[in-house]
Protein backbone atom coordinates (compact mmCIF):
# COMPACT_ATOMS: atom_id res chain seq x y z
CA GLN A 1 119.74 140.61 80.06
CA ALA A 2 121.29 144.05 80.55
CA ASP A 3 122.24 144.01 76.86
CA ILE A 4 118.60 143.41 75.89
CA LYS A 5 117.45 146.32 78.07
CA THR A 6 120.05 148.63 76.55
CA VAL A 7 119.27 147.79 72.93
CA THR A 8 115.54 148.10 73.60
CA MET A 9 115.90 151.51 75.27
CA LEU A 10 117.85 152.73 72.23
CA GLY A 11 115.13 151.68 69.79
CA GLY A 12 116.64 148.41 68.59
CA TYR A 13 115.20 144.90 68.51
CA ALA A 14 117.46 142.63 70.53
CA THR A 15 117.97 138.93 69.94
CA THR A 16 120.43 136.79 71.86
CA ALA A 17 122.35 133.53 71.89
CA ILE A 18 123.13 132.47 75.47
CA THR A 19 126.73 131.25 75.81
CA ALA A 20 126.82 130.77 79.58
CA LEU A 21 124.63 131.04 82.64
CA THR A 22 125.91 133.26 85.43
CA ALA A 23 125.08 133.67 89.09
CA GLN A 24 125.58 137.40 89.58
CA ASN A 25 124.21 140.53 91.17
CA THR A 26 125.22 144.18 91.38
CA LEU A 27 128.36 143.21 93.30
CA GLY A 28 129.79 140.83 90.71
CA VAL A 29 129.81 137.36 89.23
CA PHE A 30 129.85 134.42 91.63
CA ASP A 31 129.60 131.37 89.37
CA VAL A 32 129.47 130.50 85.66
CA MET A 33 128.13 127.48 83.77
CA GLY A 34 128.91 127.20 80.06
CA VAL A 35 126.30 126.22 77.46
CA ASP A 36 127.02 123.32 75.11
CA PRO A 37 128.70 124.77 71.99
CA SER A 38 126.37 122.90 69.62
CA PHE A 39 123.39 124.56 71.31
CA VAL A 40 125.07 127.99 71.00
CA ARG A 41 125.44 127.28 67.28
CA GLU A 42 121.77 126.37 66.97
CA GLN A 43 120.65 129.55 68.75
CA ILE A 44 122.66 131.71 66.36
CA ARG A 45 121.56 129.76 63.29
CA VAL A 46 117.81 129.90 63.89
CA VAL A 47 117.79 133.60 64.77
CA LEU A 48 119.96 134.76 61.88
CA ASP A 49 118.14 132.56 59.36
CA ASP A 50 114.76 133.94 60.51
CA ILE A 51 115.21 137.51 61.77
CA GLY A 52 118.70 138.41 60.60
CA ALA A 53 120.79 141.19 62.12
CA ASP A 54 121.94 144.71 61.34
CA ALA A 55 124.79 144.51 63.87
CA VAL A 56 126.21 141.86 66.18
CA LYS A 57 127.78 142.23 69.61
CA THR A 58 129.70 139.45 71.32
CA GLY A 59 130.19 139.35 75.07
CA MET A 60 131.16 136.56 77.43
CA LEU A 61 132.12 133.56 75.28
CA PHE A 62 133.63 131.39 78.04
CA SER A 63 135.51 128.70 76.06
CA SER A 64 137.55 128.20 72.91
CA LYS A 65 134.91 125.83 71.51
CA ILE A 66 132.18 128.45 71.90
CA ILE A 67 134.39 131.10 70.31
CA ARG A 68 135.03 128.89 67.30
CA VAL A 69 131.32 128.14 66.93
CA VAL A 70 130.42 131.83 67.12
CA ALA A 71 133.11 132.77 64.60
CA ASP A 72 132.03 130.02 62.20
CA GLU A 73 128.38 131.05 62.29
CA LEU A 74 129.10 134.75 61.92
CA GLU A 75 131.42 134.09 58.99
CA SER A 76 128.71 132.15 57.18
CA ARG A 77 125.56 134.03 58.25
CA ALA A 78 126.58 137.60 59.15
CA THR A 79 128.80 138.75 56.31
CA ASN A 80 129.08 142.53 55.83
CA ILE A 81 127.43 143.14 59.22
CA PRO A 82 129.39 145.19 61.80
CA ILE A 83 130.53 143.04 64.70
CA VAL A 84 131.33 144.67 68.04
CA VAL A 85 133.63 142.39 70.04
CA ASP A 86 133.63 143.04 73.77
CA PRO A 87 136.49 140.78 74.96
CA VAL A 88 134.94 139.86 78.30
CA MET A 89 137.67 138.06 80.22
CA VAL A 90 137.55 138.87 83.92
CA ALA A 91 134.69 140.37 85.94
CA LYS A 92 135.48 143.45 88.02
CA GLY A 93 135.40 141.34 91.17
CA GLY A 94 138.09 139.08 89.73
CA HIS A 95 135.96 136.08 88.66
CA ARG A 96 137.42 134.63 85.46
CA LEU A 97 134.89 134.64 82.60
CA LEU A 98 137.13 133.20 79.89
CA LEU A 99 138.91 129.88 80.20
CA GLY A 100 142.66 130.06 79.64
CA ASP A 101 142.78 128.35 76.24
CA ALA A 102 140.09 130.67 74.93
CA GLU A 103 142.31 133.77 74.85
CA THR A 104 144.19 132.40 71.84
CA ALA A 105 140.93 131.58 70.04
CA LEU A 106 139.67 135.08 70.78
CA ARG A 107 142.80 136.67 69.31
CA ASP A 108 142.96 134.41 66.26
CA ARG A 109 139.30 134.07 65.29
CA LEU A 110 137.25 137.01 66.57
CA LEU A 111 139.63 139.97 66.57
CA PRO A 112 140.10 139.89 62.77
CA MET A 113 136.30 139.92 62.34
CA ALA A 114 135.68 142.92 64.59
CA ALA A 115 134.42 146.22 63.26
CA LEU A 116 135.12 147.42 66.79
CA LEU A 117 137.00 145.91 69.74
CA THR A 118 136.12 147.35 73.18
CA PRO A 119 138.69 146.27 75.81
CA ASN A 120 138.99 147.72 79.27
CA LEU A 121 142.54 148.12 80.57
CA PRO A 122 142.93 144.64 82.16
CA GLU A 123 141.58 143.06 78.96
CA ALA A 124 143.90 145.21 76.84
CA GLU A 125 146.83 144.06 78.97
CA ALA A 126 145.88 140.40 78.52
CA LEU A 127 145.45 140.76 74.76
CA ALA A 128 148.49 142.98 74.11
CA GLY A 129 150.85 141.24 76.53
CA PHE A 130 152.18 144.34 78.30
CA PRO A 131 151.00 146.68 81.10
CA VAL A 132 148.36 149.27 80.20
CA ARG A 133 148.23 151.79 83.05
CA THR A 134 148.40 155.23 81.42
CA GLU A 135 146.90 157.06 78.46
CA ALA A 136 150.18 156.61 76.59
CA ASP A 137 149.95 152.87 77.26
CA MET A 138 146.39 152.90 75.91
CA ARG A 139 147.56 154.44 72.65
CA ARG A 140 150.38 151.92 72.32
CA ALA A 141 148.04 149.00 73.09
CA ALA A 142 145.45 150.20 70.56
CA GLU A 143 148.04 150.38 67.80
CA HIS A 144 149.36 146.95 68.80
CA LEU A 145 145.90 145.33 68.84
CA ALA A 146 144.99 146.94 65.52
CA ARG A 147 147.63 144.73 63.92
CA ARG A 148 145.51 141.73 65.00
CA GLY A 149 142.83 142.74 62.51
CA PRO A 150 140.02 144.74 64.15
CA LYS A 151 139.00 147.74 62.06
CA ALA A 152 138.69 149.96 65.13
CA ILE A 153 139.42 149.80 68.85
CA LEU A 154 137.77 151.63 71.74
CA MET A 155 140.18 151.66 74.68
CA LYS A 156 138.04 152.15 77.79
CA GLY A 157 139.87 154.12 80.47
CA GLY A 158 137.64 153.49 83.45
CA HIS A 159 140.46 151.71 85.28
CA LEU A 160 142.76 154.76 85.06
CA GLU A 161 143.45 156.68 88.26
CA GLY A 162 142.02 160.16 88.74
CA ASP A 163 138.84 162.22 88.60
CA ARG A 164 138.73 162.34 84.80
CA VAL A 165 137.97 159.34 82.59
CA VAL A 166 139.48 159.09 79.10
CA ASP A 167 138.37 156.68 76.36
CA LEU A 168 140.33 156.48 73.12
CA LEU A 169 138.80 155.42 69.79
CA PHE A 170 141.46 154.29 67.32
CA HIS A 171 140.20 154.07 63.74
CA ASP A 172 141.45 154.91 60.27
CA GLY A 173 144.93 155.46 61.71
CA ARG A 174 143.88 158.19 64.13
CA PHE A 175 142.65 158.62 67.70
CA ASP A 176 139.43 160.28 68.84
CA ARG A 177 139.58 161.20 72.52
CA PHE A 178 136.55 161.19 74.83
CA GLU A 179 137.03 162.75 78.26
CA ASP A 180 134.59 163.48 81.07
CA ALA A 181 134.37 163.68 84.83
CA ARG A 182 134.35 160.34 86.60
CA ILE A 183 130.93 159.45 87.98
CA GLN A 184 131.40 158.37 91.57
CA SER A 185 129.40 155.16 91.91
CA ARG A 186 129.79 151.65 93.23
CA ASN A 187 127.36 150.39 90.57
CA THR A 188 129.87 149.76 87.78
CA HIS A 189 129.31 146.03 87.29
CA GLY A 190 128.24 145.38 83.69
CA THR A 191 128.96 148.85 82.34
CA GLY A 192 131.26 147.54 79.61
CA CYS A 193 128.60 145.16 78.29
CA THR A 194 126.05 147.96 78.28
CA LEU A 195 128.38 150.28 76.38
CA ALA A 196 129.21 147.71 73.71
CA SER A 197 125.52 146.94 73.21
CA ALA A 198 124.72 150.64 72.92
CA ILE A 199 127.40 151.06 70.25
CA ALA A 200 126.07 148.04 68.35
CA ALA A 201 122.57 149.52 68.45
CA GLY A 202 123.92 152.76 66.98
CA LEU A 203 125.77 150.93 64.22
CA ALA A 204 122.62 148.94 63.41
CA GLN A 205 120.83 152.26 62.96
CA ARG A 206 123.53 153.40 60.50
CA MET A 207 125.18 155.89 62.81
CA SER A 208 128.85 156.63 62.20
CA LEU A 209 131.29 154.75 64.43
CA HIS A 210 132.26 157.97 66.22
CA ASP A 211 128.64 158.92 66.93
CA ALA A 212 127.66 155.38 67.95
């Protein structure tokens, strides 16, 4: 629902396929119930066959079966459309949003399809297989994950210590560095989803990756 609000505010027309129902509030996620994979497939099929898409963003995919369904449908119905993959794995409060066997499916099926991968530091650690705690680690992890197939990677540095926040965009063999003062707020739940949706909206409107 936050994704829909974000895309709408940025002038896009948002459509969705619900992969899981969540019980959550501003403090975090408290429970998750997955949607039947065949119904996820049907949601994607009817929307893409009717309305189509100029960009796609994936978020919480929950299970390996759902990941495979999403990948299959995007391969057949969303060719040559930029796909932003937000590898949602664990909520900030610690609630697991991706079943264990799904990490392999995410790496093998979705990462090679991604125009952009947007991991936070815990997600980058899980995907890369080594600690990501510093800016140097972020650069190493981005280069490592790029070998999995995504065309570009946005390493989100919100989990770094300090008063400055650094994000690194790795694309075309180079890094673009975004730095700003940390905004002191307790209301950070869902910020990664919002950012990925905002980028997808920009790509749909033919902005460059850097500007999006």
